[in-house]
PDB file of N, CA and C in Angstrom:
ATOM      1  N   UNK A   1      75.132  92.838  48.371  1.00  0.00           N
ATOM      2  CA  UNK A   1      74.922  91.691  47.521  1.00  0.00           C
ATOM      3  C   UNK A   1      75.495  91.893  46.131  1.00  0.00           C
ATOM      4  N   UNK A   2      76.471  92.716  45.976  1.00  0.00           N
ATOM      5  CA  UNK A   2      77.043  92.907  44.652  1.00  0.00           C
ATOM      6  C   UNK A   2      78.110  91.850  44.405  1.00  0.00           C
ATOM      7  N   UNK A   3      78.186  91.421  43.188  1.00  0.00           N
ATOM      8  CA  UNK A   3      79.150  90.400  42.818  1.00  0.00           C
ATOM      9  C   UNK A   3      80.159  90.993  41.849  1.00  0.00           C
ATOM     10  N   UNK A   4      81.434  90.871  42.191  1.00  0.00           N
ATOM     11  CA  UNK A   4      82.476  91.444  41.361  1.00  0.00           C
ATOM     12  C   UNK A   4      82.608  90.762  40.017  1.00  0.00           C
ATOM     13  N   UNK A   5      82.483  89.441  39.987  1.00  0.00           N
ATOM     14  CA  UNK A   5      82.668  88.717  38.733  1.00  0.00           C
ATOM     15  C   UNK A   5      81.381  88.074  38.229  1.00  0.00           C
ATOM     16  N   UNK A   6      80.239  88.514  38.725  1.00  0.00           N
ATOM     17  CA  UNK A   6      78.973  88.007  38.209  1.00  0.00           C
ATOM     18  C   UNK A   6      78.519  86.697  38.799  1.00  0.00           C
ATOM     19  N   UNK A   7      79.027  86.325  39.969  1.00  0.00           N
ATOM     20  CA  UNK A   7      78.608  85.086  40.630  1.00  0.00           C
ATOM     21  C   UNK A   7      78.097  85.418  42.029  1.00  0.00           C
ATOM     22  N   UNK A   8      77.124  84.643  42.491  1.00  0.00           N
ATOM     23  CA  UNK A   8      76.576  84.791  43.834  1.00  0.00           C
ATOM     24  C   UNK A   8      76.605  83.441  44.532  1.00  0.00           C
ATOM     25  N   UNK A   9      76.981  83.443  45.804  1.00  0.00           N
ATOM     26  CA  UNK A   9      76.902  82.230  46.618  1.00  0.00           C
ATOM     27  C   UNK A   9      75.633  82.331  47.444  1.00  0.00           C
ATOM     28  N   UNK A  10      74.754  81.338  47.303  1.00  0.00           N
ATOM     29  CA  UNK A  10      73.457  81.337  47.965  1.00  0.00           C
ATOM     30  C   UNK A  10      73.396  80.133  48.899  1.00  0.00           C
ATOM     31  N   UNK A  11      72.959  80.370  50.134  1.00  0.00           N
ATOM     32  CA  UNK A  11      72.792  79.306  51.121  1.00  0.00           C
ATOM     33  C   UNK A  11      71.357  79.325  51.621  1.00  0.00           C
ATOM     34  N   UNK A  12      70.715  78.168  51.625  1.00  0.00           N
ATOM     35  CA  UNK A  12      69.361  78.038  52.165  1.00  0.00           C
ATOM     36  C   UNK A  12      69.482  77.882  53.678  1.00  0.00           C
ATOM     37  N   UNK A  13      69.046  78.894  54.441  1.00  0.00           N
ATOM     38  CA  UNK A  13      69.223  78.876  55.893  1.00  0.00           C
ATOM     39  C   UNK A  13      67.946  78.523  56.646  1.00  0.00           C
ATOM     40  N   UNK A  14      66.805  78.570  55.989  1.00  0.00           N
ATOM     41  CA  UNK A  14      65.540  78.172  56.604  1.00  0.00           C
ATOM     42  C   UNK A  14      64.856  77.148  55.708  1.00  0.00           C
ATOM     43  N   UNK A  15      64.054  76.294  56.308  1.00  0.00           N
ATOM     44  CA  UNK A  15      63.362  75.232  55.585  1.00  0.00           C
ATOM     45  C   UNK A  15      62.231  75.793  54.725  1.00  0.00           C
ATOM     46  N   UNK A  16      61.930  75.102  53.638  1.00  0.00           N
ATOM     47  CA  UNK A  16      60.806  75.479  52.783  1.00  0.00           C
ATOM     48  C   UNK A  16      59.521  74.778  53.213  1.00  0.00           C
ATOM     49  N   UNK A  17      59.593  73.973  54.238  1.00  0.00           N
ATOM     50  CA  UNK A  17      58.416  73.269  54.741  1.00  0.00           C
ATOM     51  C   UNK A  17      57.369  74.266  55.222  1.00  0.00           C
ATOM     52  N   UNK A  18      56.156  74.122  54.717  1.00  0.00           N
ATOM     53  CA  UNK A  18      55.063  74.996  55.115  1.00  0.00           C
ATOM     54  C   UNK A  18      55.029  76.332  54.402  1.00  0.00           C
ATOM     55  N   UNK A  19      55.886  76.547  53.417  1.00  0.00           N
ATOM     56  CA  UNK A  19      55.931  77.812  52.677  1.00  0.00           C
ATOM     57  C   UNK A  19      54.992  77.745  51.478  1.00  0.00           C
ATOM     58  N   UNK A  20      54.758  78.893  50.876  1.00  0.00           N
ATOM     59  CA  UNK A  20      53.929  78.961  49.681  1.00  0.00           C
ATOM     60  C   UNK A  20      54.546  78.138  48.552  1.00  0.00           C
ATOM     61  N   UNK A  21      53.693  77.571  47.714  1.00  0.00           N
ATOM     62  CA  UNK A  21      54.173  76.752  46.595  1.00  0.00           C
ATOM     63  C   UNK A  21      55.070  77.558  45.664  1.00  0.00           C
ATOM     64  N   UNK A  22      54.743  78.821  45.441  1.00  0.00           N
ATOM     65  CA  UNK A  22      55.566  79.667  44.570  1.00  0.00           C
ATOM     66  C   UNK A  22      56.956  79.880  45.167  1.00  0.00           C
ATOM     67  N   UNK A  23      57.044  79.974  46.485  1.00  0.00           N
ATOM     68  CA  UNK A  23      58.342  80.164  47.130  1.00  0.00           C
ATOM     69  C   UNK A  23      59.161  78.877  47.072  1.00  0.00           C
ATOM     70  N   UNK A  24      58.500  77.736  47.233  1.00  0.00           N
ATOM     71  CA  UNK A  24      59.192  76.455  47.088  1.00  0.00           C
ATOM     72  C   UNK A  24      59.741  76.315  45.672  1.00  0.00           C
ATOM     73  N   UNK A  25      58.956  76.751  44.686  1.00  0.00           N
ATOM     74  CA  UNK A  25      59.383  76.668  43.288  1.00  0.00           C
ATOM     75  C   UNK A  25      60.587  77.565  43.029  1.00  0.00           C
ATOM     76  N   UNK A  26      60.624  78.737  43.632  1.00  0.00           N
ATOM     77  CA  UNK A  26      61.771  79.639  43.469  1.00  0.00           C
ATOM     78  C   UNK A  26      63.036  79.019  44.048  1.00  0.00           C
ATOM     79  N   UNK A  27      62.920  78.423  45.227  1.00  0.00           N
ATOM     80  CA  UNK A  27      64.079  77.776  45.849  1.00  0.00           C
ATOM     81  C   UNK A  27      64.560  76.622  44.973  1.00  0.00           C
ATOM     82  N   UNK A  28      63.635  75.819  44.464  1.00  0.00           N
ATOM     83  CA  UNK A  28      64.005  74.709  43.583  1.00  0.00           C
ATOM     84  C   UNK A  28      64.604  75.231  42.282  1.00  0.00           C
ATOM     85  N   UNK A  29      64.066  76.327  41.761  1.00  0.00           N
ATOM     86  CA  UNK A  29      64.582  76.921  40.533  1.00  0.00           C
ATOM     87  C   UNK A  29      66.002  77.433  40.676  1.00  0.00           C
ATOM     88  N   UNK A  30      66.356  77.837  41.876  1.00  0.00           N
ATOM     89  CA  UNK A  30      67.731  78.266  42.141  1.00  0.00           C
ATOM     90  C   UNK A  30      68.677  77.079  42.280  1.00  0.00           C
ATOM     91  N   UNK A  31      68.121  75.877  42.451  1.00  0.00           N
ATOM     92  CA  UNK A  31      68.944  74.677  42.555  1.00  0.00           C
ATOM     93  C   UNK A  31      69.218  74.231  43.972  1.00  0.00           C
ATOM     94  N   UNK A  32      68.474  74.767  44.933  1.00  0.00           N
ATOM     95  CA  UNK A  32      68.671  74.389  46.332  1.00  0.00           C
ATOM     96  C   UNK A  32      67.687  73.297  46.718  1.00  0.00           C
ATOM     97  N   UNK A  33      68.173  72.280  47.431  1.00  0.00           N
ATOM     98  CA  UNK A  33      67.324  71.163  47.830  1.00  0.00           C
ATOM     99  C   UNK A  33      67.243  70.998  49.339  1.00  0.00           C
ATOM    100  N   UNK A  34      68.363  71.234  50.037  1.00  0.00           N
ATOM    101  CA  UNK A  34      68.421  70.974  51.473  1.00  0.00           C
ATOM    102  C   UNK A  34      68.803  72.238  52.237  1.00  0.00           C
ATOM    103  N   UNK A  35      68.374  72.293  53.494  1.00  0.00           N
ATOM    104  CA  UNK A  35      68.757  73.386  54.372  1.00  0.00           C
ATOM    105  C   UNK A  35      70.275  73.363  54.569  1.00  0.00           C
ATOM    106  N   UNK A  36      70.889  74.525  54.590  1.00  0.00           N
ATOM    107  CA  UNK A  36      72.334  74.738  54.743  1.00  0.00           C
ATOM    108  C   UNK A  36      73.133  74.288  53.523  1.00  0.00           C
ATOM    109  N   UNK A  37      72.471  74.021  52.418  1.00  0.00           N
ATOM    110  CA  UNK A  37      73.159  73.730  51.164  1.00  0.00           C
ATOM    111  C   UNK A  37      73.546  75.056  50.522  1.00  0.00           C
ATOM    112  N   UNK A  38      74.756  75.131  49.970  1.00  0.00           N
ATOM    113  CA  UNK A  38      75.225  76.338  49.293  1.00  0.00           C
ATOM    114  C   UNK A  38      75.501  76.031  47.835  1.00  0.00           C
ATOM    115  N   UNK A  39      75.177  76.990  46.977  1.00  0.00           N
ATOM    116  CA  UNK A  39      75.462  76.864  45.556  1.00  0.00           C
ATOM    117  C   UNK A  39      75.959  78.205  45.044  1.00  0.00           C
ATOM    118  N   UNK A  40      76.570  78.184  43.871  1.00  0.00           N
ATOM    119  CA  UNK A  40      76.967  79.408  43.181  1.00  0.00           C
ATOM    120  C   UNK A  40      76.126  79.529  41.919  1.00  0.00           C
ATOM    121  N   UNK A  41      75.568  80.713  41.708  1.00  0.00           N
ATOM    122  CA  UNK A  41      74.767  80.970  40.513  1.00  0.00           C
ATOM    123  C   UNK A  41      75.265  82.240  39.853  1.00  0.00           C
ATOM    124  N   UNK A  42      74.943  82.391  38.582  1.00  0.00           N
ATOM    125  CA  UNK A  42      75.273  83.620  37.871  1.00  0.00           C
ATOM    126  C   UNK A  42      74.400  84.758  38.376  1.00  0.00           C
ATOM    127  N   UNK A  43      74.957  85.948  38.390  1.00  0.00           N
ATOM    128  CA  UNK A  43      74.229  87.137  38.838  1.00  0.00           C
ATOM    129  C   UNK A  43      73.449  87.697  37.651  1.00  0.00           C
ATOM    130  N   UNK A  44      72.242  87.150  37.426  1.00  0.00           N
ATOM    131  CA  UNK A  44      71.387  87.583  36.325  1.00  0.00           C
ATOM    132  C   UNK A  44      70.105  88.174  36.894  1.00  0.00           C
ATOM    133  N   UNK A  45      69.386  88.962  36.118  1.00  0.00           N
ATOM    134  CA  UNK A  45      68.109  89.499  36.602  1.00  0.00           C
ATOM    135  C   UNK A  45      67.110  88.404  36.990  1.00  0.00           C
ATOM    136  N   UNK A  46      67.124  87.285  36.274  1.00  0.00           N
ATOM    137  CA  UNK A  46      66.212  86.184  36.585  1.00  0.00           C
ATOM    138  C   UNK A  46      66.518  85.593  37.961  1.00  0.00           C
ATOM    139  N   UNK A  47      67.796  85.333  38.206  1.00  0.00           N
ATOM    140  CA  UNK A  47      68.183  84.786  39.507  1.00  0.00           C
ATOM    141  C   UNK A  47      67.950  85.796  40.623  1.00  0.00           C
ATOM    142  N   UNK A  48      68.234  87.068  40.368  1.00  0.00           N
ATOM    143  CA  UNK A  48      67.997  88.109  41.376  1.00  0.00           C
ATOM    144  C   UNK A  48      66.518  88.184  41.747  1.00  0.00           C
ATOM    145  N   UNK A  49      65.637  88.025  40.765  1.00  0.00           N
ATOM    146  CA  UNK A  49      64.208  88.055  41.039  1.00  0.00           C
ATOM    147  C   UNK A  49      63.785  86.916  41.947  1.00  0.00           C
ATOM    148  N   UNK A  50      64.307  85.712  41.691  1.00  0.00           N
ATOM    149  CA  UNK A  50      63.979  84.570  42.549  1.00  0.00           C
ATOM    150  C   UNK A  50      64.558  84.757  43.949  1.00  0.00           C
ATOM    151  N   UNK A  51      65.775  85.293  44.019  1.00  0.00           N
ATOM    152  CA  UNK A  51      66.411  85.543  45.318  1.00  0.00           C
ATOM    153  C   UNK A  51      65.606  86.566  46.111  1.00  0.00           C
ATOM    154  N   UNK A  52      65.168  87.638  45.462  1.00  0.00           N
ATOM    155  CA  UNK A  52      64.405  88.673  46.157  1.00  0.00           C
ATOM    156  C   UNK A  52      63.072  88.147  46.672  1.00  0.00           C
ATOM    157  N   UNK A  53      62.470  87.215  45.953  1.00  0.00           N
ATOM    158  CA  UNK A  53      61.173  86.680  46.365  1.00  0.00           C
ATOM    159  C   UNK A  53      61.281  85.836  47.633  1.00  0.00           C
ATOM    160  N   UNK A  54      62.389  85.136  47.798  1.00  0.00           N
ATOM    161  CA  UNK A  54      62.556  84.245  48.956  1.00  0.00           C
ATOM    162  C   UNK A  54      63.752  84.654  49.815  1.00  0.00           C
ATOM    163  N   UNK A  55      64.047  85.951  49.854  1.00  0.00           N
ATOM    164  CA  UNK A  55      65.241  86.411  50.567  1.00  0.00           C
ATOM    165  C   UNK A  55      65.203  86.099  52.060  1.00  0.00           C
ATOM    166  N   UNK A  56      64.025  85.896  52.623  1.00  0.00           N
ATOM    167  CA  UNK A  56      63.912  85.578  54.047  1.00  0.00           C
ATOM    168  C   UNK A  56      64.341  84.141  54.357  1.00  0.00           C
ATOM    169  N   UNK A  57      64.542  83.329  53.319  1.00  0.00           N
ATOM    170  CA  UNK A  57      64.989  81.948  53.494  1.00  0.00           C
ATOM    171  C   UNK A  57      66.476  81.778  53.188  1.00  0.00           C
ATOM    172  N   UNK A  58      67.107  82.795  52.606  1.00  0.00           N
ATOM    173  CA  UNK A  58      68.446  82.663  52.046  1.00  0.00           C
ATOM    174  C   UNK A  58      69.470  83.561  52.719  1.00  0.00           C
ATOM    175  N   UNK A  59      70.734  83.171  52.548  1.00  0.00           N
ATOM    176  CA  UNK A  59      71.867  84.039  52.836  1.00  0.00           C
ATOM    177  C   UNK A  59      72.611  84.177  51.511  1.00  0.00           C
ATOM    178  N   UNK A  60      72.861  85.409  51.083  1.00  0.00           N
ATOM    179  CA  UNK A  60      73.466  85.656  49.776  1.00  0.00           C
ATOM    180  C   UNK A  60      74.782  86.390  49.970  1.00  0.00           C
ATOM    181  N   UNK A  61      75.825  85.905  49.283  1.00  0.00           N
ATOM    182  CA  UNK A  61      77.139  86.539  49.322  1.00  0.00           C
ATOM    183  C   UNK A  61      77.620  86.750  47.897  1.00  0.00           C
ATOM    184  N   UNK A  62      78.217  87.896  47.635  1.00  0.00           N
ATOM    185  CA  UNK A  62      78.834  88.146  46.337  1.00  0.00           C
ATOM    186  C   UNK A  62      80.218  87.537  46.296  1.00  0.00           C
ATOM    187  N   UNK A  63      80.590  86.970  45.159  1.00  0.00           N
ATOM    188  CA  UNK A  63      81.921  86.370  45.007  1.00  0.00           C
ATOM    189  C   UNK A  63      82.789  87.214  44.116  1.00  0.00           C
TER     190      UNK A  63
END
């Protein structure tokens, strides 16, 4: 999960339906709304913390 230029591509691969409210908030905080939606975010400690909390819902690729 290392990013060469400080960007990460994140894809929501599982639904947030029925998950803990804190996990739903992390997914929303990352900017993901729908299953199979992909976004690019900066590789910061804040984003890494949210990714680590909900890593079972995500696919993460370094760019």
